[in-house]
N, C-alpha and C. Protein backbone atom coordinates (compact mmCIF):
# COMPACT_ATOMS: atom_id res chain seq x y z
N MET A 1 -0.87 46.48 31.79
CA MET A 1 -0.73 46.16 30.40
C MET A 1 -0.67 44.65 30.22
N ALA A 2 -1.78 44.05 30.24
CA ALA A 2 -1.85 42.60 30.06
C ALA A 2 -1.87 42.27 28.57
N ARG A 3 -1.12 41.22 28.23
CA ARG A 3 -1.11 40.79 26.83
C ARG A 3 -2.35 39.95 26.56
N GLU A 4 -2.86 40.11 25.34
CA GLU A 4 -4.00 39.30 24.94
C GLU A 4 -3.51 37.98 24.37
N LYS A 5 -4.31 36.94 24.55
CA LYS A 5 -3.96 35.64 24.00
C LYS A 5 -4.09 35.68 22.48
N PRO A 6 -3.21 34.96 21.79
CA PRO A 6 -3.35 34.93 20.33
C PRO A 6 -4.60 34.16 19.93
N SER A 7 -5.17 34.54 18.81
CA SER A 7 -6.39 33.88 18.35
C SER A 7 -6.09 32.44 17.92
N GLN A 8 -7.13 31.67 17.65
CA GLN A 8 -6.96 30.26 17.27
C GLN A 8 -6.15 30.13 15.99
N GLN A 9 -6.37 31.01 15.02
CA GLN A 9 -5.64 30.94 13.75
C GLN A 9 -4.16 31.24 13.95
N GLN A 10 -3.85 32.22 14.75
CA GLN A 10 -2.46 32.62 14.94
C GLN A 10 -1.67 31.57 15.72
N ARG A 11 -2.33 30.85 16.63
CA ARG A 11 -1.64 29.86 17.44
C ARG A 11 -1.15 28.68 16.62
N GLY A 12 -1.92 28.21 15.64
CA GLY A 12 -1.59 27.02 14.89
C GLY A 12 -0.53 27.22 13.82
N ARG A 13 -0.20 28.46 13.50
CA ARG A 13 0.74 28.71 12.41
C ARG A 13 2.11 29.09 12.93
N ARG A 14 3.09 28.74 12.16
CA ARG A 14 4.45 29.17 12.46
C ARG A 14 4.76 30.41 11.63
N PRO A 15 5.51 31.32 12.19
CA PRO A 15 5.88 32.48 11.39
C PRO A 15 6.82 32.07 10.26
N GLY A 16 6.55 32.57 9.09
CA GLY A 16 7.39 32.27 7.94
C GLY A 16 7.05 30.96 7.26
N GLY A 17 6.02 30.28 7.73
CA GLY A 17 5.63 29.00 7.13
C GLY A 17 4.77 29.20 5.90
N PRO A 18 4.40 28.13 5.24
CA PRO A 18 3.59 28.24 4.03
C PRO A 18 2.18 28.71 4.36
N ALA A 19 1.63 29.53 3.50
CA ALA A 19 0.29 30.05 3.71
C ALA A 19 -0.73 29.11 3.08
N GLY A 20 -1.88 28.99 3.66
CA GLY A 20 -2.94 28.18 3.09
C GLY A 20 -2.86 26.73 3.51
N GLN A 21 -3.64 25.91 2.82
CA GLN A 21 -3.73 24.49 3.12
C GLN A 21 -2.47 23.76 2.67
N ILE A 22 -2.00 22.81 3.48
CA ILE A 22 -0.89 21.95 3.11
C ILE A 22 -1.48 20.64 2.64
N ARG A 23 -1.20 20.27 1.41
CA ARG A 23 -1.76 19.06 0.83
C ARG A 23 -0.97 17.86 1.29
N ARG A 24 -1.64 16.91 1.90
CA ARG A 24 -0.99 15.70 2.39
C ARG A 24 -0.82 14.73 1.23
N ARG A 25 0.40 14.21 1.06
CA ARG A 25 0.67 13.25 0.00
C ARG A 25 0.24 11.87 0.46
N ASN A 26 -0.42 11.15 -0.44
CA ASN A 26 -0.91 9.82 -0.08
C ASN A 26 0.07 8.76 -0.57
N CYS A 27 0.10 7.67 0.12
CA CYS A 27 0.99 6.57 -0.21
C CYS A 27 0.52 5.87 -1.48
N PHE A 28 1.41 5.76 -2.45
CA PHE A 28 1.10 5.11 -3.72
C PHE A 28 0.75 3.64 -3.51
N PHE A 29 1.47 2.97 -2.64
CA PHE A 29 1.27 1.54 -2.41
C PHE A 29 -0.05 1.28 -1.68
N CYS A 30 -0.45 2.16 -0.80
CA CYS A 30 -1.74 2.00 -0.13
C CYS A 30 -2.89 2.21 -1.12
N LYS A 31 -2.74 3.17 -2.01
CA LYS A 31 -3.78 3.42 -3.02
C LYS A 31 -3.96 2.21 -3.93
N GLU A 32 -2.86 1.61 -4.33
CA GLU A 32 -2.89 0.48 -5.27
C GLU A 32 -3.08 -0.87 -4.56
N HIS A 33 -3.20 -0.85 -3.25
CA HIS A 33 -3.39 -2.06 -2.43
C HIS A 33 -2.26 -3.06 -2.64
N ILE A 34 -1.01 -2.56 -2.61
CA ILE A 34 0.17 -3.41 -2.75
C ILE A 34 0.64 -3.76 -1.36
N ALA A 35 0.68 -5.06 -1.05
CA ALA A 35 1.05 -5.51 0.29
C ALA A 35 2.56 -5.59 0.45
N GLU A 36 3.25 -6.17 -0.52
CA GLU A 36 4.70 -6.35 -0.45
C GLU A 36 5.36 -5.68 -1.65
N ILE A 37 6.50 -5.05 -1.42
CA ILE A 37 7.25 -4.38 -2.47
C ILE A 37 8.35 -5.32 -2.94
N ASP A 38 8.41 -5.55 -4.25
CA ASP A 38 9.35 -6.50 -4.82
C ASP A 38 10.65 -5.79 -5.19
N TYR A 39 11.78 -6.32 -4.77
CA TYR A 39 13.07 -5.70 -5.06
C TYR A 39 13.45 -5.83 -6.54
N LYS A 40 12.79 -6.73 -7.28
CA LYS A 40 13.10 -6.92 -8.70
C LYS A 40 12.39 -5.91 -9.59
N ASN A 41 11.43 -5.18 -9.04
CA ASN A 41 10.70 -4.17 -9.81
C ASN A 41 11.48 -2.85 -9.75
N ILE A 42 12.49 -2.75 -10.60
CA ILE A 42 13.42 -1.62 -10.55
C ILE A 42 12.77 -0.32 -10.99
N THR A 43 11.89 -0.38 -11.97
CA THR A 43 11.25 0.86 -12.45
C THR A 43 10.47 1.53 -11.34
N GLN A 44 9.83 0.75 -10.49
CA GLN A 44 9.08 1.31 -9.38
C GLN A 44 10.02 1.85 -8.30
N LEU A 45 11.12 1.13 -8.05
CA LEU A 45 12.04 1.54 -7.00
C LEU A 45 12.83 2.80 -7.39
N ARG A 46 13.05 3.03 -8.67
CA ARG A 46 13.81 4.22 -9.10
C ARG A 46 13.13 5.51 -8.72
N ARG A 47 11.81 5.47 -8.52
CA ARG A 47 11.08 6.66 -8.08
C ARG A 47 11.46 7.06 -6.66
N TYR A 48 11.99 6.11 -5.90
CA TYR A 48 12.27 6.33 -4.48
C TYR A 48 13.75 6.52 -4.19
N ILE A 49 14.58 6.64 -5.22
CA ILE A 49 15.99 6.98 -5.01
C ILE A 49 16.31 8.23 -5.80
N SER A 50 17.24 9.02 -5.28
CA SER A 50 17.61 10.28 -5.92
C SER A 50 18.57 10.05 -7.07
N GLU A 51 18.93 11.12 -7.75
CA GLU A 51 19.87 11.04 -8.87
C GLU A 51 21.24 10.58 -8.39
N ARG A 52 21.56 10.89 -7.15
CA ARG A 52 22.85 10.50 -6.58
C ARG A 52 22.84 9.07 -6.03
N GLY A 53 21.67 8.44 -6.00
CA GLY A 53 21.57 7.07 -5.54
C GLY A 53 21.10 6.92 -4.11
N LYS A 54 20.74 8.02 -3.46
CA LYS A 54 20.28 7.95 -2.07
C LYS A 54 18.79 7.64 -2.02
N ILE A 55 18.38 6.96 -0.94
CA ILE A 55 16.96 6.66 -0.75
C ILE A 55 16.27 7.94 -0.27
N ARG A 56 15.19 8.31 -0.95
CA ARG A 56 14.47 9.53 -0.59
C ARG A 56 13.63 9.30 0.67
N SER A 57 13.40 10.37 1.42
CA SER A 57 12.69 10.26 2.69
C SER A 57 11.18 10.20 2.47
N ARG A 58 10.48 9.83 3.51
CA ARG A 58 9.01 9.76 3.47
C ARG A 58 8.41 11.12 3.17
N ARG A 59 9.03 12.14 3.71
CA ARG A 59 8.52 13.50 3.51
C ARG A 59 8.48 13.86 2.04
N ILE A 60 9.44 13.37 1.28
CA ILE A 60 9.52 13.67 -0.14
C ILE A 60 8.69 12.70 -0.97
N THR A 61 8.76 11.41 -0.66
CA THR A 61 8.07 10.41 -1.47
C THR A 61 6.58 10.34 -1.18
N GLY A 62 6.17 10.64 0.04
CA GLY A 62 4.76 10.56 0.39
C GLY A 62 4.33 9.16 0.79
N ALA A 63 5.26 8.24 0.94
CA ALA A 63 4.92 6.87 1.33
C ALA A 63 4.61 6.83 2.82
N CYS A 64 3.76 5.89 3.20
CA CYS A 64 3.48 5.72 4.63
C CYS A 64 4.68 5.03 5.28
N ARG A 65 4.68 4.98 6.60
CA ARG A 65 5.83 4.44 7.32
C ARG A 65 6.10 2.98 6.97
N ARG A 66 5.05 2.20 6.92
CA ARG A 66 5.18 0.77 6.63
C ARG A 66 5.79 0.54 5.25
N HIS A 67 5.27 1.24 4.26
CA HIS A 67 5.77 1.05 2.90
C HIS A 67 7.14 1.68 2.69
N GLN A 68 7.45 2.75 3.40
CA GLN A 68 8.78 3.36 3.27
C GLN A 68 9.86 2.40 3.79
N VAL A 69 9.56 1.68 4.86
CA VAL A 69 10.49 0.68 5.38
C VAL A 69 10.69 -0.42 4.35
N GLN A 70 9.60 -0.85 3.72
CA GLN A 70 9.69 -1.88 2.69
C GLN A 70 10.45 -1.39 1.47
N VAL A 71 10.26 -0.13 1.09
CA VAL A 71 11.00 0.45 -0.04
C VAL A 71 12.49 0.45 0.27
N ALA A 72 12.85 0.90 1.46
CA ALA A 72 14.27 0.94 1.84
C ALA A 72 14.88 -0.45 1.80
N GLN A 73 14.17 -1.43 2.32
CA GLN A 73 14.67 -2.80 2.32
C GLN A 73 14.80 -3.32 0.89
N ALA A 74 13.82 -3.03 0.03
CA ALA A 74 13.86 -3.49 -1.36
C ALA A 74 14.99 -2.83 -2.13
N VAL A 75 15.24 -1.55 -1.88
CA VAL A 75 16.34 -0.85 -2.55
C VAL A 75 17.67 -1.45 -2.12
N LYS A 76 17.81 -1.74 -0.84
CA LYS A 76 19.06 -2.33 -0.35
C LYS A 76 19.28 -3.73 -0.94
N ARG A 77 18.21 -4.49 -1.07
CA ARG A 77 18.34 -5.82 -1.68
C ARG A 77 18.68 -5.71 -3.16
N ALA A 78 18.05 -4.75 -3.86
CA ALA A 78 18.33 -4.57 -5.28
C ALA A 78 19.76 -4.10 -5.50
N ARG A 79 20.28 -3.29 -4.59
CA ARG A 79 21.68 -2.87 -4.68
C ARG A 79 22.61 -4.07 -4.50
N GLU A 80 22.27 -4.92 -3.54
CA GLU A 80 23.10 -6.10 -3.27
C GLU A 80 23.13 -7.05 -4.46
N MET A 81 22.02 -7.13 -5.18
CA MET A 81 21.93 -8.00 -6.35
C MET A 81 22.40 -7.29 -7.62
N ALA A 82 22.94 -6.08 -7.48
CA ALA A 82 23.48 -5.28 -8.60
C ALA A 82 22.39 -4.89 -9.59
N LEU A 83 21.17 -4.71 -9.11
CA LEU A 83 20.09 -4.21 -9.96
C LEU A 83 20.01 -2.69 -9.91
N LEU A 84 20.42 -2.11 -8.80
CA LEU A 84 20.46 -0.66 -8.61
C LEU A 84 21.86 -0.26 -8.18
N PRO A 85 22.29 0.95 -8.56
CA PRO A 85 23.63 1.38 -8.16
C PRO A 85 23.64 1.88 -6.71
N TYR A 86 24.80 1.77 -6.08
CA TYR A 86 24.98 2.33 -4.74
C TYR A 86 25.16 3.84 -4.81
N VAL A 87 25.87 4.31 -5.83
CA VAL A 87 26.11 5.74 -6.02
C VAL A 87 25.84 6.11 -7.47
N ALA A 88 25.76 7.42 -7.73
CA ALA A 88 25.51 7.89 -9.09
C ALA A 88 26.75 7.69 -9.96
N GLU A 89 26.52 7.56 -11.23
CA GLU A 89 27.62 7.37 -12.17
C GLU A 89 28.17 8.71 -12.61
N GLY A 90 29.49 8.76 -12.81
CA GLY A 90 30.12 9.92 -13.43
C GLY A 90 30.20 11.16 -12.59
N SER A 91 30.18 11.07 -11.29
CA SER A 91 30.31 12.26 -10.44
C SER A 91 31.77 12.38 -10.01
N ASP A 92 32.67 12.64 -10.99
CA ASP A 92 34.10 12.69 -10.73
C ASP A 92 34.62 14.10 -10.46
N ASP A 93 33.79 15.12 -10.67
CA ASP A 93 34.28 16.49 -10.57
C ASP A 93 34.75 16.86 -9.17
N GLY A 94 34.22 16.25 -8.14
CA GLY A 94 34.66 16.50 -6.77
C GLY A 94 34.18 17.83 -6.22
N GLY A 95 33.44 18.58 -7.00
CA GLY A 95 32.94 19.87 -6.54
C GLY A 95 31.76 19.70 -5.61
N GLY A 96 31.18 20.81 -5.24
CA GLY A 96 30.03 20.76 -4.36
C GLY A 96 30.45 20.75 -2.91
N ARG A 97 29.62 20.12 -2.09
CA ARG A 97 29.86 20.12 -0.65
C ARG A 97 30.75 18.96 -0.22
N GLY A 98 31.57 19.22 0.74
CA GLY A 98 32.33 18.17 1.41
C GLY A 98 33.23 17.38 0.50
N GLY A 99 33.62 16.24 0.98
CA GLY A 99 34.45 15.35 0.20
C GLY A 99 35.91 15.76 0.22
N ARG A 100 36.75 14.94 -0.35
CA ARG A 100 38.18 15.23 -0.41
C ARG A 100 38.51 15.84 -1.75
N ARG A 101 39.41 16.78 -1.72
CA ARG A 101 39.86 17.44 -2.95
C ARG A 101 41.32 17.11 -3.17
N ASP A 102 41.72 17.20 -4.43
CA ASP A 102 43.12 17.00 -4.75
C ASP A 102 43.87 18.27 -4.35
N ARG A 103 44.80 18.13 -3.44
CA ARG A 103 45.57 19.28 -2.98
C ARG A 103 46.92 19.25 -3.68
N GLY A 104 46.98 19.84 -4.85
CA GLY A 104 48.21 19.85 -5.64
C GLY A 104 49.35 20.57 -4.95
N ASP A 105 49.01 21.52 -4.08
CA ASP A 105 50.07 22.28 -3.39
C ASP A 105 50.73 21.48 -2.30
N ARG A 106 50.20 20.32 -1.96
CA ARG A 106 50.77 19.49 -0.91
C ARG A 106 51.49 18.30 -1.50
N GLY A 107 52.51 18.56 -2.22
CA GLY A 107 53.28 17.49 -2.82
C GLY A 107 54.04 16.70 -1.77
N ASP A 108 55.08 16.07 -2.20
CA ASP A 108 55.88 15.27 -1.29
C ASP A 108 56.53 16.17 -0.24
N ARG A 109 56.61 15.74 0.97
CA ARG A 109 57.20 16.55 2.04
C ARG A 109 58.71 16.70 1.84
N ASN A 110 59.33 15.85 1.09
CA ASN A 110 60.76 15.90 0.87
C ASN A 110 61.18 16.88 -0.22
N ASP A 111 60.20 17.62 -0.80
CA ASP A 111 60.50 18.55 -1.88
C ASP A 111 61.19 19.81 -1.37
N ARG A 112 61.22 20.05 -0.09
CA ARG A 112 61.73 21.31 0.44
C ARG A 112 63.20 21.40 0.40
């Protein structure tokens, strides 16, 4: 009982992966022939940070490696110059994942 080799189509795919063609995202800066990314251009940089203020990855933005490094550097410079926020505004609820919560049941140890 010898097993047969999988066909060429079956070998290249992962089980449970997306079916059909995967569209490759092209770098916006390469298309527009932009050599250097300016940290003062906030409207352009806002596309590359999330609502929470984190820098989005290449996988999400579609930028090439060279330009993604420049975007990260420009965002960090803009944050330093107070042009972009480090974190999102108004996220005081403390809900969601991780973080510290107010433990009202843990009052002063001398209450006993």
